[in-house]
């Protein structure tokens, strides 16, 4: 038995699963502190027929705690950033192009030091240990409690980052250290940014994770706690303490994985409509297509593993307006009443016209009091539905890679806003339990391992190099808790780098396997 929980901007969804079967599910309002909604969801599950919390072997949670902390610039640790790359990279120091309010919120302090390597492992300059010590002493005197260390081409050789971390810890024993080669990919600034974000969240992680663990124990569950990662795989609590940034974008990823599981489609578009946004992504071999370029998080460019998702302001709580004086120019969103839907929507006695009100008036949703929207004109309802359909169609069109229509799976509590037919969809699927696909995606998530490095590939050695990368990815998946007999390679990407000598090729390999549950 396992439980999957996904926290959205409006609702917190939870499912209790026996193998691949859904025994019980619930949808509760997300609370401002996030944890309260999880408590309520577990309480609702416990009351459901066929549920025995003592039999649960694992709880998988996709949470917005850490994303919210960054977006709201709250509870961030005073953070220093050390980059190893001098005499190169001096033109763009750490925190370049960051929103000023976030740098202020984490008391960000940048340091540039010698070190780093070329793509093939040759040193740019020797690591200057005295330079690192001076930086560590300065950050200590200025109150930094967490530090991000990044080095040029550290995914190729991490030796300088590891040694710099040892020096920093010797000077500041209590400081939390995040290393860029463990977090991001090739691309210095974006990898460094992801590492700084992780460092700023490290101090908050134990508080949040201990709270989640206590919530699970209080529900009578003795099974292990896992968190969803942004690539559709799981991490345990110890890993999450070190890498809280890996929880970002787990919500859309869980929804897409759940859509694949429920529909049986391995390759399709997924439209996940919640209370605040509609997230649209593409499934390739059961996993979300990953973003090929940097991804912006709270206005910061990053390059860690993130799904290629477009989010639009279309959800059950989206506010519907007629802006023209003659009642024309109807718009939906992008603002939403969010988790206040049950207080502010017309059907619940509020005074705000939302997309849910339109759906109830149209007879495609059955919540609240239908009588409270009986006054809405047929013209308004039809125009709002056409607007929602056009918004969904446009974003699917932007995501597809060919002119051919593609299958679309509509999931999420607000997916009634997606029409049964539209021009870029070959067919629209609404599988059973579609409203809690995100929680199901969390519950069925697997464990992964990934390699992303630049390899020198000598003539005739390509197969050997790729095989070595695949084996390393498999080993990483097993080390993360995957059953060795279930590990498969799901993605191999090779990109020759023409501007570097030595037949340099960037090779990315991703392996996944089923989680080994104790007991």
Protein backbone atom coordinates (compact mmCIF):
# COMPACT_ATOMS: atom_id res chain seq x y z
CA UNK A 1 0.00 0.00 0.00
CA UNK A 2 1.18 3.51 -0.74
CA UNK A 3 -0.18 7.03 -0.54
CA UNK A 4 0.44 9.78 -3.09
CA UNK A 5 -0.12 13.45 -2.20
CA UNK A 6 0.24 16.48 -4.44
CA UNK A 7 -0.09 20.06 -3.23
CA UNK A 8 -1.49 22.53 -5.75
CA UNK A 9 -2.21 26.21 -5.54
CA UNK A 10 -5.92 25.55 -4.92
CA UNK A 11 -6.31 21.91 -3.87
CA UNK A 12 -4.29 19.23 -2.11
CA UNK A 13 -5.04 15.83 -3.63
CA UNK A 14 -4.33 12.43 -2.11
CA UNK A 15 -4.79 8.80 -3.15
CA UNK A 16 -4.47 5.48 -1.33
CA UNK A 17 -3.26 2.78 -3.72
CA UNK A 18 -3.00 -0.99 -3.50
CA UNK A 19 -0.51 -1.86 -6.23
CA UNK A 20 -1.89 -0.20 -9.36
CA UNK A 21 -5.40 0.10 -7.99
CA UNK A 22 -6.89 3.25 -6.48
CA UNK A 23 -8.67 2.32 -3.22
CA UNK A 24 -9.58 5.86 -2.09
CA UNK A 25 -8.99 9.46 -3.14
CA UNK A 26 -9.70 12.90 -1.79
CA UNK A 27 -9.39 16.54 -2.76
CA UNK A 28 -9.10 19.17 -0.02
CA UNK A 29 -8.40 22.89 -0.05
CA UNK A 30 -4.73 23.86 0.08
CA UNK A 31 -3.96 25.89 3.17
CA UNK A 32 -1.69 28.90 3.40
CA UNK A 33 0.85 26.93 5.44
CA UNK A 34 0.58 23.97 2.98
CA UNK A 35 0.95 21.39 5.77
CA UNK A 36 -2.62 21.93 7.00
CA UNK A 37 -4.00 20.79 3.65
CA UNK A 38 -1.88 17.63 3.82
CA UNK A 39 -3.18 16.89 7.33
CA UNK A 40 -6.77 17.29 6.11
CA UNK A 41 -6.17 15.05 3.10
CA UNK A 42 -4.70 12.25 5.24
CA UNK A 43 -7.61 12.57 7.65
CA UNK A 44 -10.10 12.22 4.79
CA UNK A 45 -8.31 9.15 3.44
CA UNK A 46 -8.28 7.52 6.85
CA UNK A 47 -12.08 7.79 6.97
CA UNK A 48 -12.51 6.07 3.60
CA UNK A 49 -13.63 2.43 3.27
CA UNK A 50 -10.82 -0.05 2.65
CA UNK A 51 -8.08 2.21 4.01
CA UNK A 52 -5.71 0.93 6.70
CA UNK A 53 -2.98 3.46 7.45
CA UNK A 54 -0.91 0.85 9.33
CA UNK A 55 -0.41 -1.05 6.05
CA UNK A 56 1.08 1.89 4.15
CA UNK A 57 4.69 1.19 3.12
CA UNK A 58 5.46 4.60 1.63
CA UNK A 59 4.05 8.11 1.31
CA UNK A 60 5.04 10.17 -1.73
CA UNK A 61 4.50 13.92 -1.53
CA UNK A 62 4.81 16.58 -4.20
CA UNK A 63 5.03 19.84 -2.27
CA UNK A 64 5.18 23.56 -3.04
CA UNK A 65 6.80 24.49 0.29
CA UNK A 66 10.19 25.30 -1.19
CA UNK A 67 8.91 26.93 -4.36
CA UNK A 68 6.70 29.20 -2.27
CA UNK A 69 9.62 30.17 -0.03
CA UNK A 70 11.67 31.30 -3.03
CA UNK A 71 8.83 33.06 -4.87
CA UNK A 72 7.81 34.88 -1.69
CA UNK A 73 11.46 35.53 -0.69
CA UNK A 74 10.76 34.27 2.83
CA UNK A 75 12.84 32.18 5.24
CA UNK A 76 15.91 32.09 2.99
CA UNK A 77 19.29 31.48 4.63
CA UNK A 78 22.04 34.12 4.39
CA UNK A 79 23.94 32.70 1.42
CA UNK A 80 27.39 33.12 -0.09
CA UNK A 81 28.40 32.02 -3.58
CA UNK A 82 31.98 30.99 -4.42
CA UNK A 83 32.84 30.54 -8.07
CA UNK A 84 36.07 28.84 -9.12
CA UNK A 85 37.12 30.07 -12.55
CA UNK A 86 39.53 33.02 -12.40
CA UNK A 87 41.05 34.45 -14.48
CA UNK A 88 38.04 33.49 -16.65
CA UNK A 89 34.38 34.41 -15.91
CA UNK A 90 35.17 37.65 -14.04
CA UNK A 91 32.88 39.73 -16.28
CA UNK A 92 29.72 38.10 -14.87
CA UNK A 93 30.06 37.40 -11.12
CA UNK A 94 27.60 35.30 -9.09
CA UNK A 95 24.10 36.79 -8.67
CA UNK A 96 24.34 38.41 -12.11
CA UNK A 97 20.84 39.16 -13.43
CA UNK A 98 19.14 38.10 -10.18
CA UNK A 99 16.07 39.99 -8.93
CA UNK A 100 17.40 42.45 -6.36
CA UNK A 101 14.79 41.57 -3.74
CA UNK A 102 15.93 37.93 -3.73
CA UNK A 103 19.60 38.84 -3.36
CA UNK A 104 18.61 41.06 -0.44
CA UNK A 105 16.39 38.37 1.10
CA UNK A 106 19.30 35.91 1.23
CA UNK A 107 21.98 38.53 1.99
CA UNK A 108 23.79 37.23 -1.06
CA UNK A 109 27.57 37.62 -1.11
CA UNK A 110 29.58 36.69 -4.26
CA UNK A 111 33.21 35.54 -4.34
CA UNK A 112 35.43 34.88 -7.36
CA UNK A 113 38.41 32.57 -6.89
CA UNK A 114 40.95 30.73 -9.04
CA UNK A 115 40.29 27.16 -10.18
CA UNK A 116 38.03 25.30 -12.58
CA UNK A 117 38.75 23.15 -15.62
CA UNK A 118 38.32 23.09 -19.37
CA UNK A 119 35.82 20.68 -20.96
CA UNK A 120 38.46 17.93 -21.10
CA UNK A 121 39.58 18.29 -17.48
CA UNK A 122 42.63 20.49 -18.05
CA UNK A 123 42.98 23.11 -15.32
CA UNK A 124 42.07 26.72 -16.11
CA UNK A 125 44.22 27.73 -13.16
CA UNK A 126 45.38 25.99 -9.97
CA UNK A 127 43.00 26.14 -7.01
CA UNK A 128 44.22 28.87 -4.65
CA UNK A 129 43.51 27.46 -1.19
CA UNK A 130 44.47 30.67 0.64
CA UNK A 131 41.97 32.53 -1.54
CA UNK A 132 39.23 30.10 -0.50
CA UNK A 133 40.15 30.49 3.18
CA UNK A 134 39.94 34.28 2.97
CA UNK A 135 36.54 34.03 1.29
CA UNK A 136 35.34 31.63 3.99
CA UNK A 137 36.52 33.92 6.77
CA UNK A 138 34.82 36.90 5.15
CA UNK A 139 31.51 35.11 4.70
CA UNK A 140 31.67 33.94 8.31
CA UNK A 141 32.23 37.47 9.57
CA UNK A 142 29.25 38.63 7.50
CA UNK A 143 26.88 35.99 8.87
CA UNK A 144 26.56 33.60 5.92
CA UNK A 145 25.11 30.27 7.04
CA UNK A 146 24.97 28.52 3.66
CA UNK A 147 27.32 28.55 0.68
CA UNK A 148 27.04 27.53 -2.96
CA UNK A 149 30.29 26.46 -4.64
CA UNK A 150 30.45 26.31 -8.42
CA UNK A 151 33.37 25.62 -10.73
CA UNK A 152 33.76 25.90 -14.48
CA UNK A 153 32.96 22.51 -16.07
CA UNK A 154 32.55 20.83 -12.69
CA UNK A 155 30.32 18.10 -14.24
CA UNK A 156 33.53 17.04 -16.05
CA UNK A 157 35.78 17.25 -12.98
CA UNK A 158 34.44 18.07 -9.54
CA UNK A 159 37.79 17.93 -7.72
CA UNK A 160 38.08 21.70 -7.23
CA UNK A 161 34.53 22.01 -5.83
CA UNK A 162 35.11 19.13 -3.43
CA UNK A 163 38.42 20.53 -2.18
CA UNK A 164 36.98 24.03 -1.83
CA UNK A 165 34.13 22.59 0.25
CA UNK A 166 36.65 20.91 2.58
CA UNK A 167 38.46 24.22 3.09
CA UNK A 168 35.25 26.15 3.72
CA UNK A 169 34.06 23.59 6.29
CA UNK A 170 37.42 23.74 8.07
CA UNK A 171 37.04 27.51 8.42
CA UNK A 172 33.28 27.59 9.07
CA UNK A 173 32.33 24.18 10.53
CA UNK A 174 28.59 24.84 10.82
CA UNK A 175 28.06 26.18 7.30
CA UNK A 176 25.85 24.24 4.87
CA UNK A 177 27.55 23.58 1.53
CA UNK A 178 25.91 22.98 -1.86
CA UNK A 179 28.07 21.89 -4.82
CA UNK A 180 27.03 22.69 -8.37
CA UNK A 181 28.14 19.41 -9.96
CA UNK A 182 25.55 17.62 -7.80
CA UNK A 183 22.68 19.89 -8.87
CA UNK A 184 22.91 21.41 -12.34
CA UNK A 185 24.09 20.58 -15.81
CA UNK A 186 26.60 21.97 -18.28
CA UNK A 187 26.22 25.76 -18.40
CA UNK A 188 28.01 27.70 -15.69
CA UNK A 189 25.68 30.58 -14.81
CA UNK A 190 22.48 28.52 -14.86
CA UNK A 191 24.07 25.68 -12.87
CA UNK A 192 25.47 28.18 -10.38
CA UNK A 193 22.06 29.84 -10.01
CA UNK A 194 20.38 26.51 -9.26
CA UNK A 195 23.04 25.79 -6.65
CA UNK A 196 22.58 29.19 -4.97
CA UNK A 197 18.81 28.59 -4.79
CA UNK A 198 19.46 25.20 -3.21
CA UNK A 199 21.86 26.74 -0.69
CA UNK A 200 19.35 29.42 0.28
CA UNK A 201 16.71 26.74 1.00
CA UNK A 202 18.94 24.34 2.96
CA UNK A 203 18.21 25.94 6.34
CA UNK A 204 14.47 25.71 5.77
CA UNK A 205 14.53 22.09 4.62
CA UNK A 206 14.81 20.35 8.03
CA UNK A 207 11.90 22.35 9.44
CA UNK A 208 9.61 21.50 6.54
CA UNK A 209 10.66 17.87 6.23
CA UNK A 210 10.41 17.22 9.96
CA UNK A 211 6.92 18.73 9.87
CA UNK A 212 5.91 16.47 6.97
CA UNK A 213 7.37 13.42 8.70
CA UNK A 214 5.48 14.24 11.90
CA UNK A 215 2.27 14.72 9.92
CA UNK A 216 2.69 11.26 8.37
CA UNK A 217 3.45 9.64 11.74
CA UNK A 218 0.47 11.37 13.38
CA UNK A 219 -1.76 9.74 10.75
CA UNK A 220 -0.65 6.31 11.99
CA UNK A 221 1.70 5.62 9.09
CA UNK A 222 5.01 3.90 9.79
CA UNK A 223 6.09 3.67 6.14
CA UNK A 224 8.88 5.78 4.64
CA UNK A 225 8.39 9.30 3.37
CA UNK A 226 9.52 10.31 -0.13
CA UNK A 227 9.29 13.58 -2.04
CA UNK A 228 8.64 13.98 -5.74
CA UNK A 229 11.43 15.43 -7.84
CA UNK A 230 11.02 17.71 -10.81
CA UNK A 231 12.02 14.97 -13.27
CA UNK A 232 9.25 12.54 -12.25
CA UNK A 233 11.33 10.41 -9.89
CA UNK A 234 11.48 10.15 -6.10
CA UNK A 235 13.95 11.16 -3.42
CA UNK A 236 14.04 10.18 0.23
CA UNK A 237 14.03 12.67 3.11
CA UNK A 238 17.80 12.65 3.57
CA UNK A 239 18.31 13.53 -0.09
CA UNK A 240 15.66 16.26 0.12
CA UNK A 241 17.46 17.83 3.09
CA UNK A 242 20.52 18.31 0.87
CA UNK A 243 18.72 19.15 -2.37
CA UNK A 244 15.41 20.93 -1.66
CA UNK A 245 15.59 22.63 -5.06
CA UNK A 246 14.84 19.25 -6.66
CA UNK A 247 11.20 19.55 -5.53
CA UNK A 248 10.54 22.45 -7.91
CA UNK A 249 7.97 21.72 -10.68
CA UNK A 250 7.08 18.35 -9.15
CA UNK A 251 3.36 19.20 -9.47
CA UNK A 252 3.17 19.34 -13.28
CA UNK A 253 5.51 16.35 -13.50
CA UNK A 254 3.30 14.27 -11.20
CA UNK A 255 0.23 15.18 -13.25
CA UNK A 256 1.86 14.07 -16.48
CA UNK A 257 3.11 10.82 -14.99
CA UNK A 258 -0.36 10.19 -13.56
CA UNK A 259 -1.92 10.94 -16.94
CA UNK A 260 0.34 8.38 -18.61
CA UNK A 261 -0.53 5.77 -15.99
CA UNK A 262 -4.29 6.36 -16.17
CA UNK A 263 -4.60 6.68 -19.95
CA UNK A 264 -2.10 4.03 -20.96
CA UNK A 265 -0.58 6.51 -23.44
CA UNK A 266 3.20 6.77 -23.48
CA UNK A 267 3.39 9.63 -26.01
CA UNK A 268 0.85 12.45 -25.91
CA UNK A 269 0.11 15.97 -24.73
CA UNK A 270 -1.20 16.44 -21.20
CA UNK A 271 -3.38 19.36 -20.17
CA UNK A 272 -3.57 19.55 -16.37
CA UNK A 273 -6.13 22.12 -15.27
CA UNK A 274 -6.11 22.98 -11.60
CA UNK A 275 -7.71 25.81 -9.70
CA UNK A 276 -5.17 28.45 -10.69
CA UNK A 277 -3.38 27.41 -13.89
CA UNK A 278 -3.42 24.94 -16.75
CA UNK A 279 -0.06 23.22 -17.21
CA UNK A 280 0.60 21.70 -20.61
CA UNK A 281 3.44 19.31 -21.31
CA UNK A 282 4.44 16.48 -23.64
CA UNK A 283 4.93 12.87 -22.60
CA UNK A 284 7.69 10.91 -24.33
CA UNK A 285 7.96 7.25 -23.37
CA UNK A 286 5.85 7.82 -20.24
CA UNK A 287 8.03 10.66 -18.92
CA UNK A 288 7.71 14.42 -19.37
CA UNK A 289 9.77 15.93 -22.15
CA UNK A 290 12.47 17.93 -20.42
CA UNK A 291 13.20 21.54 -21.17
CA UNK A 292 16.07 21.81 -23.64
CA UNK A 293 17.15 25.28 -22.54
CA UNK A 294 17.39 27.14 -19.27
CA UNK A 295 14.25 27.40 -17.15
CA UNK A 296 13.34 30.55 -15.25
CA UNK A 297 12.41 30.05 -11.60
CA UNK A 298 11.21 33.17 -9.75
CA UNK A 299 12.99 35.25 -12.40
CA UNK A 300 16.28 33.30 -12.13
CA UNK A 301 17.74 31.30 -15.02
CA UNK A 302 18.54 27.71 -14.06
CA UNK A 303 19.37 24.48 -15.89
CA UNK A 304 18.60 21.63 -13.53
CA UNK A 305 16.17 18.90 -14.55
CA UNK A 306 12.81 20.51 -15.29
CA UNK A 307 9.86 19.43 -17.45
CA UNK A 308 9.10 21.39 -20.60
CA UNK A 309 5.83 22.93 -19.46
CA UNK A 310 3.83 25.97 -20.46
CA UNK A 311 1.50 27.33 -17.79
CA UNK A 312 -1.41 29.63 -18.57
CA UNK A 313 -3.90 31.38 -16.31
CA UNK A 314 -6.76 28.96 -16.93
CA UNK A 315 -8.17 27.12 -13.93
CA UNK A 316 -11.32 26.44 -12.00
CA UNK A 317 -10.70 29.51 -9.87
CA UNK A 318 -9.74 31.81 -12.77
CA UNK A 319 -11.68 35.08 -12.70
CA UNK A 320 -14.00 35.72 -15.66
CA UNK A 321 -14.43 39.34 -16.76
CA UNK A 322 -16.32 41.22 -19.43
CA UNK A 323 -14.13 44.25 -19.86
CA UNK A 324 -15.91 46.08 -22.66
CA UNK A 325 -18.68 48.59 -21.89
CA UNK A 326 -20.97 46.61 -24.17
CA UNK A 327 -20.17 43.35 -22.41
CA UNK A 328 -17.67 42.20 -25.04
CA UNK A 329 -14.00 41.24 -24.75
CA UNK A 330 -14.54 38.42 -22.26
CA UNK A 331 -11.35 37.27 -20.54
CA UNK A 332 -10.47 34.37 -18.27
CA UNK A 333 -7.62 34.86 -15.80
CA UNK A 334 -4.72 35.07 -15.47
CA UNK A 335 -5.63 35.91 -11.86
CA UNK A 336 -7.49 33.38 -9.75
CA UNK A 337 -9.24 33.17 -6.42
CA UNK A 338 -7.03 30.11 -5.79
CA UNK A 339 -7.64 28.22 -2.58
CA UNK A 340 -10.38 30.75 -1.68
CA UNK A 341 -12.62 29.24 -4.38
CA UNK A 342 -15.12 27.91 -1.83
CA UNK A 343 -15.47 31.35 -0.30
CA UNK A 344 -15.44 33.60 -3.36
CA UNK A 345 -17.04 31.74 -6.30
CA UNK A 346 -20.69 32.50 -7.02
CA UNK A 347 -21.80 28.86 -6.66
CA UNK A 348 -20.45 28.85 -3.10
CA UNK A 349 -22.12 32.11 -2.11
CA UNK A 350 -19.30 34.47 -3.05
CA UNK A 351 -19.38 37.46 -5.37
CA UNK A 352 -16.64 36.63 -7.92
CA UNK A 353 -17.45 35.13 -11.32
CA UNK A 354 -15.05 32.24 -11.91
CA UNK A 355 -14.54 29.57 -14.56
CA UNK A 356 -16.14 27.07 -12.18
CA UNK A 357 -19.31 29.17 -12.11
CA UNK A 358 -19.41 29.11 -15.92
CA UNK A 359 -18.94 25.33 -15.95
CA UNK A 360 -21.76 24.81 -13.43
CA UNK A 361 -24.05 27.09 -15.44
CA UNK A 362 -23.20 25.11 -18.58
CA UNK A 363 -23.99 21.82 -16.84
CA UNK A 364 -20.48 20.37 -17.25
CA UNK A 365 -19.61 20.63 -13.55
CA UNK A 366 -21.70 19.78 -10.51
CA UNK A 367 -20.48 21.64 -7.44
CA UNK A 368 -22.02 24.25 -5.16
CA UNK A 369 -25.48 25.72 -5.72
CA UNK A 370 -26.55 25.77 -9.37
CA UNK A 371 -29.25 28.32 -8.54
CA UNK A 372 -26.66 30.96 -7.76
CA UNK A 373 -25.52 31.03 -11.41
CA UNK A 374 -28.92 30.64 -13.05
CA UNK A 375 -28.84 34.33 -13.96
CA UNK A 376 -25.80 33.96 -16.21
CA UNK A 377 -26.79 34.43 -19.86
CA UNK A 378 -26.36 31.69 -22.41
CA UNK A 379 -24.25 34.07 -24.50
CA UNK A 380 -21.82 34.69 -21.64
CA UNK A 381 -21.51 30.99 -20.85
CA UNK A 382 -20.95 30.05 -24.48
CA UNK A 383 -18.36 32.79 -24.98
CA UNK A 384 -16.49 31.80 -21.82
CA UNK A 385 -16.38 28.15 -22.87
CA UNK A 386 -15.14 29.12 -26.33
CA UNK A 387 -12.44 31.30 -24.76
CA UNK A 388 -11.28 28.46 -22.51
CA UNK A 389 -11.22 26.06 -25.46
CA UNK A 390 -9.17 28.50 -27.53
CA UNK A 391 -6.67 28.98 -24.69
CA UNK A 392 -6.19 25.22 -24.31
CA UNK A 393 -5.89 24.65 -28.06
CA UNK A 394 -3.35 27.45 -28.51
CA UNK A 395 -0.99 26.15 -25.85
CA UNK A 396 -1.14 22.53 -27.09
CA UNK A 397 -0.36 23.88 -30.56
CA UNK A 398 2.72 25.64 -29.17
CA UNK A 399 3.96 22.44 -27.53
CA UNK A 400 3.62 19.97 -30.42
CA UNK A 401 6.61 19.44 -32.67
CA UNK A 402 4.79 18.58 -35.91
CA UNK A 403 1.69 19.78 -37.72
CA UNK A 404 -0.11 16.49 -37.10
CA UNK A 405 -2.83 16.43 -34.43
CA UNK A 406 -1.74 14.63 -31.27
CA UNK A 407 -3.64 12.75 -28.55
CA UNK A 408 -4.44 14.91 -25.54
CA UNK A 409 -5.10 13.68 -22.01
CA UNK A 410 -7.11 16.11 -19.87
CA UNK A 411 -6.58 15.77 -16.12
CA UNK A 412 -7.00 17.86 -13.00
CA UNK A 413 -10.04 19.09 -11.13
CA UNK A 414 -10.60 21.90 -13.63
CA UNK A 415 -10.25 19.79 -16.77
CA UNK A 416 -13.95 20.25 -17.51
CA UNK A 417 -12.71 23.47 -19.17
CA UNK A 418 -10.96 21.42 -21.89
CA UNK A 419 -13.37 20.67 -24.76
CA UNK A 420 -14.03 17.14 -25.98
CA UNK A 421 -12.72 18.10 -29.40
CA UNK A 422 -10.39 20.76 -30.78
CA UNK A 423 -8.43 21.13 -33.97
CA UNK A 424 -4.89 20.20 -32.82
CA UNK A 425 -6.05 17.13 -30.84
CA UNK A 426 -6.49 13.80 -32.59
CA UNK A 427 -8.52 12.67 -29.58
CA UNK A 428 -9.18 13.97 -26.06
CA UNK A 429 -8.96 11.38 -23.27
CA UNK A 430 -10.49 11.78 -19.79
CA UNK A 431 -9.38 8.71 -17.85
CA UNK A 432 -10.89 7.45 -14.60
CA UNK A 433 -9.65 9.34 -11.52
CA UNK A 434 -8.49 12.21 -13.78
CA UNK A 435 -9.17 14.76 -11.03
CA UNK A 436 -6.37 13.35 -8.85
CA UNK A 437 -3.91 12.37 -11.58
CA UNK A 438 -1.23 14.45 -9.83
CA UNK A 439 -1.48 12.44 -6.60
CA UNK A 440 -1.49 9.19 -8.59
CA UNK A 441 1.63 10.36 -10.41
CA UNK A 442 3.33 10.88 -7.06
CA UNK A 443 2.24 7.45 -5.79
CA UNK A 444 3.52 5.51 -8.82
CA UNK A 445 6.76 7.48 -9.24
CA UNK A 446 10.00 5.59 -9.78
CA UNK A 447 13.60 6.18 -8.79
CA UNK A 448 16.07 7.62 -11.28
CA UNK A 449 19.73 8.19 -12.00
CA UNK A 450 21.25 10.53 -14.57
CA UNK A 451 24.60 11.28 -16.19
CA UNK A 452 25.20 14.56 -18.02
CA UNK A 453 28.80 15.20 -19.03
CA UNK A 454 31.07 16.19 -21.88
CA UNK A 455 33.09 13.17 -23.04
CA UNK A 456 36.05 13.12 -25.45
CA UNK A 457 34.98 10.50 -27.99
CA UNK A 458 37.88 9.05 -29.97
CA UNK A 459 37.22 7.53 -33.41
CA UNK A 460 35.66 4.10 -33.06
CA UNK A 461 35.01 4.56 -29.32
CA UNK A 462 31.49 6.02 -29.43
CA UNK A 463 29.68 2.80 -28.41
CA UNK A 464 32.07 2.20 -25.53
CA UNK A 465 31.66 5.74 -24.18
CA UNK A 466 27.85 5.60 -24.39
CA UNK A 467 27.81 2.17 -22.71
CA UNK A 468 29.94 3.54 -19.89
CA UNK A 469 27.54 6.47 -19.41
CA UNK A 470 24.54 4.10 -19.38
CA UNK A 471 26.12 1.89 -16.75
CA UNK A 472 26.90 4.90 -14.56
CA UNK A 473 23.28 6.07 -14.85
CA UNK A 474 22.04 2.59 -13.86
CA UNK A 475 24.37 2.56 -10.85
CA UNK A 476 23.07 5.96 -9.75
CA UNK A 477 19.46 4.75 -9.98
CA UNK A 478 20.22 1.67 -7.87
CA UNK A 479 22.09 3.81 -5.33
CA UNK A 480 18.99 6.00 -5.08
CA UNK A 481 16.84 2.98 -4.13
CA UNK A 482 15.75 1.38 -7.40
CA UNK A 483 15.28 -2.36 -7.79
CA UNK A 484 18.25 -3.38 -10.02
CA UNK A 485 16.07 -5.80 -11.98
CA UNK A 486 13.67 -3.05 -13.04
CA UNK A 487 16.12 -0.35 -14.12
CA UNK A 488 15.74 0.76 -17.73
CA UNK A 489 17.48 3.42 -19.80
CA UNK A 490 14.72 5.78 -20.93
CA UNK A 491 16.68 8.56 -22.58
CA UNK A 492 20.04 8.95 -24.33
CA UNK A 493 21.01 12.28 -25.83
CA UNK A 494 24.27 12.96 -27.69
CA UNK A 495 25.26 16.45 -28.83
CA UNK A 496 28.65 16.93 -30.55
CA UNK A 497 30.20 20.22 -29.42
CA UNK A 498 31.78 21.60 -32.57
CA UNK A 499 33.56 24.53 -30.98
CA UNK A 500 35.64 22.32 -28.66
CA UNK A 501 38.60 20.18 -29.78
CA UNK A 502 39.02 16.45 -29.24
CA UNK A 503 35.69 15.16 -30.61
CA UNK A 504 33.91 16.52 -27.54
CA UNK A 505 30.36 15.21 -27.15
CA UNK A 506 27.83 16.04 -24.47
CA UNK A 507 26.11 12.81 -23.44
CA UNK A 508 23.01 12.70 -21.25
CA UNK A 509 21.65 9.35 -20.07
CA UNK A 510 18.66 8.82 -17.79
CA UNK A 511 17.79 5.54 -16.08
CA UNK A 512 14.73 4.74 -13.94
CA UNK A 513 13.55 1.76 -11.91
CA UNK A 514 10.87 0.76 -9.44
CA UNK A 515 11.29 1.79 -5.84
CA UNK A 516 12.22 -1.01 -3.45
CA UNK A 517 9.70 -0.91 -0.61
CA UNK A 518 10.64 -2.39 2.73
CA UNK A 519 8.52 -5.06 4.30
